[in-house]
Amino acid sequence: MPGVLVGGSSTDPSIIYTIDYRYDASGNSWDDIDVLKLSGNVAYLQSQTTARRLVGNVIVQNDTAYTTAQEYTGC
């Protein structure tokens, strides 16, 4: 399963939401909000939204994931 579990669907218990944090060789970061469908021991990617910012807290309500995002420019 990619990323960190942040919630699940209230109407379909086999649907979960995760955030996957990625970095490239140059130090750039991307956060993906993924929707996965669980079937047995396998998670199938249903959709992926890439945020070119740092994703904050995620709240899943019904079948919608809400989040905040901020640009990170270093210290």
PDB file of N, CA and C in Angstrom:
ATOM      1  N   MET A   1       0.842  -1.162   0.000  1.00  0.00           N
ATOM      2  CA  MET A   1       0.000   0.000   0.000  1.00  0.00           C
ATOM      3  C   MET A   1       0.897   1.238   0.000  1.00  0.00           C
ATOM      4  N   PRO A   2       0.667   2.153  -0.939  1.00  0.00           N
ATOM      5  CA  PRO A   2       1.498   3.349  -0.970  1.00  0.00           C
ATOM      6  C   PRO A   2       1.107   4.354   0.109  1.00  0.00           C
ATOM      7  N   GLY A   3       2.090   4.934   0.742  1.00  0.00           N
ATOM      8  CA  GLY A   3       1.842   6.060   1.629  1.00  0.00           C
ATOM      9  C   GLY A   3       1.265   5.738   2.987  1.00  0.00           C
ATOM     10  N   VAL A   4       0.624   6.758   3.539  1.00  0.00           N
ATOM     11  CA  VAL A   4       0.085   6.717   4.898  1.00  0.00           C
ATOM     12  C   VAL A   4      -1.440   6.709   4.808  1.00  0.00           C
ATOM     13  N   LEU A   5      -2.074   5.804   5.527  1.00  0.00           N
ATOM     14  CA  LEU A   5      -3.529   5.719   5.546  1.00  0.00           C
ATOM     15  C   LEU A   5      -4.101   6.960   6.219  1.00  0.00           C
ATOM     16  N   VAL A   6      -5.048   7.641   5.543  1.00  0.00           N
ATOM     17  CA  VAL A   6      -5.657   8.848   6.110  1.00  0.00           C
ATOM     18  C   VAL A   6      -7.168   8.741   6.261  1.00  0.00           C
ATOM     19  N   GLY A   7      -7.784   7.684   5.743  1.00  0.00           N
ATOM     20  CA  GLY A   7      -9.231   7.547   5.908  1.00  0.00           C
ATOM     21  C   GLY A   7      -9.799   6.441   5.052  1.00  0.00           C
ATOM     22  N   GLY A   8     -11.117   6.268   5.192  1.00  0.00           N
ATOM     23  CA  GLY A   8     -11.820   5.260   4.429  1.00  0.00           C
ATOM     24  C   GLY A   8     -13.202   5.757   4.049  1.00  0.00           C
ATOM     25  N   SER A   9     -13.786   5.110   3.062  1.00  0.00           N
ATOM     26  CA  SER A   9     -15.119   5.467   2.587  1.00  0.00           C
ATOM     27  C   SER A   9     -16.168   5.053   3.605  1.00  0.00           C
ATOM     28  N   SER A  10     -17.157   5.912   3.803  1.00  0.00           N
ATOM     29  CA  SER A  10     -18.242   5.576   4.718  1.00  0.00           C
ATOM     30  C   SER A  10     -19.289   4.690   4.048  1.00  0.00           C
ATOM     31  N   THR A  11     -19.270   4.618   2.714  1.00  0.00           N
ATOM     32  CA  THR A  11     -20.260   3.813   2.001  1.00  0.00           C
ATOM     33  C   THR A  11     -19.709   2.497   1.476  1.00  0.00           C
ATOM     34  N   ASP A  12     -18.380   2.397   1.351  1.00  0.00           N
ATOM     35  CA  ASP A  12     -17.753   1.169   0.854  1.00  0.00           C
ATOM     36  C   ASP A  12     -16.497   0.901   1.671  1.00  0.00           C
ATOM     37  N   PRO A  13     -16.538  -0.049   2.613  1.00  0.00           N
ATOM     38  CA  PRO A  13     -15.391  -0.290   3.494  1.00  0.00           C
ATOM     39  C   PRO A  13     -14.140  -0.818   2.782  1.00  0.00           C
ATOM     40  N   SER A  14     -14.260  -1.169   1.506  1.00  0.00           N
ATOM     41  CA  SER A  14     -13.082  -1.635   0.768  1.00  0.00           C
ATOM     42  C   SER A  14     -12.313  -0.486   0.122  1.00  0.00           C
ATOM     43  N   ILE A  15     -12.817   0.758   0.233  1.00  0.00           N
ATOM     44  CA  ILE A  15     -12.148   1.930  -0.338  1.00  0.00           C
ATOM     45  C   ILE A  15     -11.416   2.684   0.774  1.00  0.00           C
ATOM     46  N   ILE A  16     -10.109   2.915   0.564  1.00  0.00           N
ATOM     47  CA  ILE A  16      -9.314   3.665   1.531  1.00  0.00           C
ATOM     48  C   ILE A  16      -8.592   4.811   0.821  1.00  0.00           C
ATOM     49  N   TYR A  17      -8.169   5.793   1.608  1.00  0.00           N
ATOM     50  CA  TYR A  17      -7.454   6.968   1.106  1.00  0.00           C
ATOM     51  C   TYR A  17      -6.068   7.007   1.760  1.00  0.00           C
ATOM     52  N   THR A  18      -5.044   7.281   0.957  1.00  0.00           N
ATOM     53  CA  THR A  18      -3.678   7.381   1.480  1.00  0.00           C
ATOM     54  C   THR A  18      -3.009   8.633   0.922  1.00  0.00           C
ATOM     55  N   ILE A  19      -1.947   9.060   1.598  1.00  0.00           N
ATOM     56  CA  ILE A  19      -1.061  10.107   1.066  1.00  0.00           C
ATOM     57  C   ILE A  19       0.300   9.459   0.877  1.00  0.00           C
ATOM     58  N   ASP A  20       0.859   9.651  -0.307  1.00  0.00           N
ATOM     59  CA  ASP A  20       2.167   9.107  -0.648  1.00  0.00           C
ATOM     60  C   ASP A  20       3.105  10.287  -0.887  1.00  0.00           C
ATOM     61  N   TYR A  21       4.192  10.355  -0.123  1.00  0.00           N
ATOM     62  CA  TYR A  21       5.159  11.449  -0.226  1.00  0.00           C
ATOM     63  C   TYR A  21       6.311  10.992  -1.115  1.00  0.00           C
ATOM     64  N   ARG A  22       6.626  11.775  -2.158  1.00  0.00           N
ATOM     65  CA  ARG A  22       7.706  11.404  -3.082  1.00  0.00           C
ATOM     66  C   ARG A  22       8.723  12.535  -3.200  1.00  0.00           C
ATOM     67  N   TYR A  23       9.970  12.170  -3.436  1.00  0.00           N
ATOM     68  CA  TYR A  23      11.053  13.128  -3.670  1.00  0.00           C
ATOM     69  C   TYR A  23      11.857  12.677  -4.869  1.00  0.00           C
ATOM     70  N   ASP A  24      12.370  13.631  -5.664  1.00  0.00           N
ATOM     71  CA  ASP A  24      13.255  13.265  -6.759  1.00  0.00           C
ATOM     72  C   ASP A  24      14.705  13.530  -6.356  1.00  0.00           C
ATOM     73  N   ALA A  25      15.625  13.250  -7.251  1.00  0.00           N
ATOM     74  CA  ALA A  25      17.059  13.385  -6.960  1.00  0.00           C
ATOM     75  C   ALA A  25      17.461  14.825  -6.667  1.00  0.00           C
ATOM     76  N   SER A  26      16.689  15.795  -7.139  1.00  0.00           N
ATOM     77  CA  SER A  26      16.996  17.206  -6.905  1.00  0.00           C
ATOM     78  C   SER A  26      16.410  17.728  -5.604  1.00  0.00           C
ATOM     79  N   GLY A  27      15.675  16.891  -4.887  1.00  0.00           N
ATOM     80  CA  GLY A  27      15.079  17.312  -3.627  1.00  0.00           C
ATOM     81  C   GLY A  27      13.683  17.884  -3.759  1.00  0.00           C
ATOM     82  N   ASN A  28      13.119  17.871  -4.973  1.00  0.00           N
ATOM     83  CA  ASN A  28      11.743  18.327  -5.160  1.00  0.00           C
ATOM     84  C   ASN A  28      10.784  17.299  -4.566  1.00  0.00           C
ATOM     85  N   SER A  29       9.667  17.775  -4.015  1.00  0.00           N
ATOM     86  CA  SER A  29       8.724  16.843  -3.401  1.00  0.00           C
ATOM     87  C   SER A  29       7.349  16.951  -4.044  1.00  0.00           C
ATOM     88  N   TRP A  30       6.646  15.846  -4.035  1.00  0.00           N
ATOM     89  CA  TRP A  30       5.272  15.754  -4.504  1.00  0.00           C
ATOM     90  C   TRP A  30       4.511  14.907  -3.510  1.00  0.00           C
ATOM     91  N   ASP A  31       3.273  15.267  -3.281  1.00  0.00           N
ATOM     92  CA  ASP A  31       2.401  14.468  -2.426  1.00  0.00           C
ATOM     93  C   ASP A  31       1.249  13.973  -3.283  1.00  0.00           C
ATOM     94  N   ASP A  32       1.009  12.682  -3.258  1.00  0.00           N
ATOM     95  CA  ASP A  32      -0.103  12.099  -3.991  1.00  0.00           C
ATOM     96  C   ASP A  32      -1.192  11.696  -3.010  1.00  0.00           C
ATOM     97  N   ILE A  33      -2.429  12.086  -3.302  1.00  0.00           N
ATOM     98  CA  ILE A  33      -3.574  11.585  -2.555  1.00  0.00           C
ATOM     99  C   ILE A  33      -4.137  10.448  -3.389  1.00  0.00           C
ATOM    100  N   ASP A  34      -4.076   9.236  -2.860  1.00  0.00           N
ATOM    101  CA  ASP A  34      -4.474   8.039  -3.592  1.00  0.00           C
ATOM    102  C   ASP A  34      -5.768   7.469  -3.040  1.00  0.00           C
ATOM    103  N   VAL A  35      -6.598   6.946  -3.939  1.00  0.00           N
ATOM    104  CA  VAL A  35      -7.791   6.194  -3.560  1.00  0.00           C
ATOM    105  C   VAL A  35      -7.535   4.754  -3.981  1.00  0.00           C
ATOM    106  N   LEU A  36      -7.641   3.841  -3.023  1.00  0.00           N
ATOM    107  CA  LEU A  36      -7.350   2.428  -3.267  1.00  0.00           C
ATOM    108  C   LEU A  36      -8.565   1.575  -2.941  1.00  0.00           C
ATOM    109  N   LYS A  37      -8.753   0.505  -3.715  1.00  0.00           N
ATOM    110  CA  LYS A  37      -9.810  -0.465  -3.435  1.00  0.00           C
ATOM    111  C   LYS A  37      -9.135  -1.750  -2.990  1.00  0.00           C
ATOM    112  N   LEU A  38      -9.490  -2.210  -1.801  1.00  0.00           N
ATOM    113  CA  LEU A  38      -8.912  -3.429  -1.245  1.00  0.00           C
ATOM    114  C   LEU A  38      -9.700  -4.642  -1.715  1.00  0.00           C
ATOM    115  N   SER A  39      -8.964  -5.669  -2.118  1.00  0.00           N
ATOM    116  CA  SER A  39      -9.566  -6.939  -2.509  1.00  0.00           C
ATOM    117  C   SER A  39      -8.630  -8.041  -2.048  1.00  0.00           C
ATOM    118  N   GLY A  40      -9.028  -8.729  -0.975  1.00  0.00           N
ATOM    119  CA  GLY A  40      -8.131  -9.732  -0.403  1.00  0.00           C
ATOM    120  C   GLY A  40      -6.875  -9.076   0.129  1.00  0.00           C
ATOM    121  N   ASN A  41      -5.726  -9.538  -0.335  1.00  0.00           N
ATOM    122  CA  ASN A  41      -4.433  -8.997   0.108  1.00  0.00           C
ATOM    123  C   ASN A  41      -3.860  -7.968  -0.866  1.00  0.00           C
ATOM    124  N   VAL A  42      -4.686  -7.461  -1.778  1.00  0.00           N
ATOM    125  CA  VAL A  42      -4.200  -6.542  -2.807  1.00  0.00           C
ATOM    126  C   VAL A  42      -4.973  -5.227  -2.737  1.00  0.00           C
ATOM    127  N   ALA A  43      -4.254  -4.110  -2.950  1.00  0.00           N
ATOM    128  CA  ALA A  43      -4.872  -2.786  -3.018  1.00  0.00           C
ATOM    129  C   ALA A  43      -4.730  -2.282  -4.451  1.00  0.00           C
ATOM    130  N   TYR A  44      -5.847  -1.984  -5.100  1.00  0.00           N
ATOM    131  CA  TYR A  44      -5.852  -1.504  -6.479  1.00  0.00           C
ATOM    132  C   TYR A  44      -6.048   0.010  -6.497  1.00  0.00           C
ATOM    133  N   LEU A  45      -5.149   0.705  -7.198  1.00  0.00           N
ATOM    134  CA  LEU A  45      -5.236   2.152  -7.309  1.00  0.00           C
ATOM    135  C   LEU A  45      -6.444   2.529  -8.160  1.00  0.00           C
ATOM    136  N   GLN A  46      -7.356   3.336  -7.596  1.00  0.00           N
ATOM    137  CA  GLN A  46      -8.544   3.792  -8.298  1.00  0.00           C
ATOM    138  C   GLN A  46      -8.342   5.181  -8.883  1.00  0.00           C
ATOM    139  N   SER A  47      -7.671   6.048  -8.135  1.00  0.00           N
ATOM    140  CA  SER A  47      -7.366   7.384  -8.634  1.00  0.00           C
ATOM    141  C   SER A  47      -6.199   7.957  -7.844  1.00  0.00           C
ATOM    142  N   GLN A  48      -5.561   8.953  -8.449  1.00  0.00           N
ATOM    143  CA  GLN A  48      -4.412   9.597  -7.817  1.00  0.00           C
ATOM    144  C   GLN A  48      -4.438  11.080  -8.178  1.00  0.00           C
ATOM    145  N   THR A  49      -4.321  11.925  -7.161  1.00  0.00           N
ATOM    146  CA  THR A  49      -4.239  13.365  -7.370  1.00  0.00           C
ATOM    147  C   THR A  49      -2.900  13.833  -6.824  1.00  0.00           C
ATOM    148  N   THR A  50      -2.099  14.448  -7.682  1.00  0.00           N
ATOM    149  CA  THR A  50      -0.783  14.917  -7.268  1.00  0.00           C
ATOM    150  C   THR A  50      -0.865  16.382  -6.875  1.00  0.00           C
ATOM    151  N   ALA A  51      -0.359  16.682  -5.685  1.00  0.00           N
ATOM    152  CA  ALA A  51      -0.273  18.060  -5.199  1.00  0.00           C
ATOM    153  C   ALA A  51       1.190  18.475  -5.274  1.00  0.00           C
ATOM    154  N   ARG A  52       1.477  19.544  -5.950  1.00  0.00           N
ATOM    155  CA  ARG A  52       2.853  20.045  -6.060  1.00  0.00           C
ATOM    156  C   ARG A  52       3.211  20.887  -4.840  1.00  0.00           C
ATOM    157  N   ARG A  53       2.558  20.607  -3.745  1.00  0.00           N
ATOM    158  CA  ARG A  53       2.770  21.283  -2.468  1.00  0.00           C
ATOM    159  C   ARG A  53       2.791  20.237  -1.370  1.00  0.00           C
ATOM    160  N   LEU A  54       3.119  20.668  -0.167  1.00  0.00           N
ATOM    161  CA  LEU A  54       3.062  19.772   0.985  1.00  0.00           C
ATOM    162  C   LEU A  54       1.625  19.677   1.459  1.00  0.00           C
ATOM    163  N   VAL A  55       1.107  18.471   1.505  1.00  0.00           N
ATOM    164  CA  VAL A  55      -0.276  18.244   1.940  1.00  0.00           C
ATOM    165  C   VAL A  55      -0.315  18.227   3.458  1.00  0.00           C
ATOM    166  N   GLY A  56      -1.298  18.926   4.013  1.00  0.00           N
ATOM    167  CA  GLY A  56      -1.476  18.972   5.463  1.00  0.00           C
ATOM    168  C   GLY A  56      -2.402  17.872   5.936  1.00  0.00           C
ATOM    169  N   ASN A  57      -3.142  18.156   6.973  1.00  0.00           N
ATOM    170  CA  ASN A  57      -4.097  17.216   7.525  1.00  0.00           C
ATOM    171  C   ASN A  57      -5.148  16.860   6.483  1.00  0.00           C
ATOM    172  N   VAL A  58      -5.539  15.594   6.429  1.00  0.00           N
ATOM    173  CA  VAL A  58      -6.585  15.157   5.503  1.00  0.00           C
ATOM    174  C   VAL A  58      -7.789  14.717   6.319  1.00  0.00           C
ATOM    175  N   ILE A  59      -8.960  15.193   5.924  1.00  0.00           N
ATOM    176  CA  ILE A  59     -10.210  14.780   6.559  1.00  0.00           C
ATOM    177  C   ILE A  59     -11.067  14.131   5.485  1.00  0.00           C
ATOM    178  N   VAL A  60     -11.482  12.887   5.729  1.00  0.00           N
ATOM    179  CA  VAL A  60     -12.358  12.186   4.799  1.00  0.00           C
ATOM    180  C   VAL A  60     -13.765  12.235   5.361  1.00  0.00           C
ATOM    181  N   GLN A  61     -14.692  12.755   4.553  1.00  0.00           N
ATOM    182  CA  GLN A  61     -16.089  12.835   4.955  1.00  0.00           C
ATOM    183  C   GLN A  61     -16.915  12.232   3.832  1.00  0.00           C
ATOM    184  N   ASN A  62     -17.694  11.198   4.175  1.00  0.00           N
ATOM    185  CA  ASN A  62     -18.437  10.434   3.177  1.00  0.00           C
ATOM    186  C   ASN A  62     -17.454   9.878   2.157  1.00  0.00           C
ATOM    187  N   ASP A  63     -17.501  10.311   0.911  1.00  0.00           N
ATOM    188  CA  ASP A  63     -16.562   9.814  -0.106  1.00  0.00           C
ATOM    189  C   ASP A  63     -15.704  10.927  -0.675  1.00  0.00           C
ATOM    190  N   THR A  64     -15.441  11.967   0.138  1.00  0.00           N
ATOM    191  CA  THR A  64     -14.639  13.100  -0.295  1.00  0.00           C
ATOM    192  C   THR A  64     -13.505  13.328   0.698  1.00  0.00           C
ATOM    193  N   ALA A  65     -12.291  13.553   0.171  1.00  0.00           N
ATOM    194  CA  ALA A  65     -11.135  13.862   1.013  1.00  0.00           C
ATOM    195  C   ALA A  65     -10.842  15.358   0.906  1.00  0.00           C
ATOM    196  N   TYR A  66     -10.747  16.025   2.045  1.00  0.00           N
ATOM    197  CA  TYR A  66     -10.435  17.459   2.115  1.00  0.00           C
ATOM    198  C   TYR A  66      -9.051  17.611   2.727  1.00  0.00           C
ATOM    199  N   THR A  67      -8.280  18.567   2.205  1.00  0.00           N
ATOM    200  CA  THR A  67      -6.943  18.789   2.755  1.00  0.00           C
ATOM    201  C   THR A  67      -6.523  20.244   2.538  1.00  0.00           C
ATOM    202  N   THR A  68      -5.446  20.597   3.168  1.00  0.00           N
ATOM    203  CA  THR A  68      -4.793  21.870   2.905  1.00  0.00           C
ATOM    204  C   THR A  68      -3.437  21.562   2.285  1.00  0.00           C
ATOM    205  N   ALA A  69      -2.862  22.541   1.637  1.00  0.00           N
ATOM    206  CA  ALA A  69      -1.534  22.361   1.051  1.00  0.00           C
ATOM    207  C   ALA A  69      -0.776  23.673   1.164  1.00  0.00           C
ATOM    208  N   GLN A  70       0.537  23.553   1.319  1.00  0.00           N
ATOM    209  CA  GLN A  70       1.361  24.758   1.393  1.00  0.00           C
ATOM    210  C   GLN A  70       2.622  24.566   0.585  1.00  0.00           C
ATOM    211  N   GLU A  71       3.133  25.661   0.067  1.00  0.00           N
ATOM    212  CA  GLU A  71       4.391  25.624  -0.660  1.00  0.00           C
ATOM    213  C   GLU A  71       5.526  25.627   0.351  1.00  0.00           C
ATOM    214  N   TYR A  72       6.518  24.773   0.106  1.00  0.00           N
ATOM    215  CA  TYR A  72       7.687  24.707   0.973  1.00  0.00           C
ATOM    216  C   TYR A  72       8.884  25.198   0.196  1.00  0.00           C
ATOM    217  N   THR A  73       9.536  26.237   0.711  1.00  0.00           N
ATOM    218  CA  THR A  73      10.690  26.796   0.011  1.00  0.00           C
ATOM    219  C   THR A  73      11.987  26.605   0.779  1.00  0.00           C
ATOM    220  N   GLY A  74      11.950  25.834   1.849  1.00  0.00           N
ATOM    221  CA  GLY A  74      13.154  25.596   2.631  1.00  0.00           C
ATOM    222  C   GLY A  74      13.331  26.648   3.733  1.00  0.00           C
ATOM    223  N   CYS A  75      14.418  26.508   4.457  1.00  0.00           N
ATOM    224  CA  CYS A  75      14.684  27.424   5.571  1.00  0.00           C
ATOM    225  C   CYS A  75      15.684  28.458   5.188  1.00  0.00           C
TER     226      CYS A  75
END
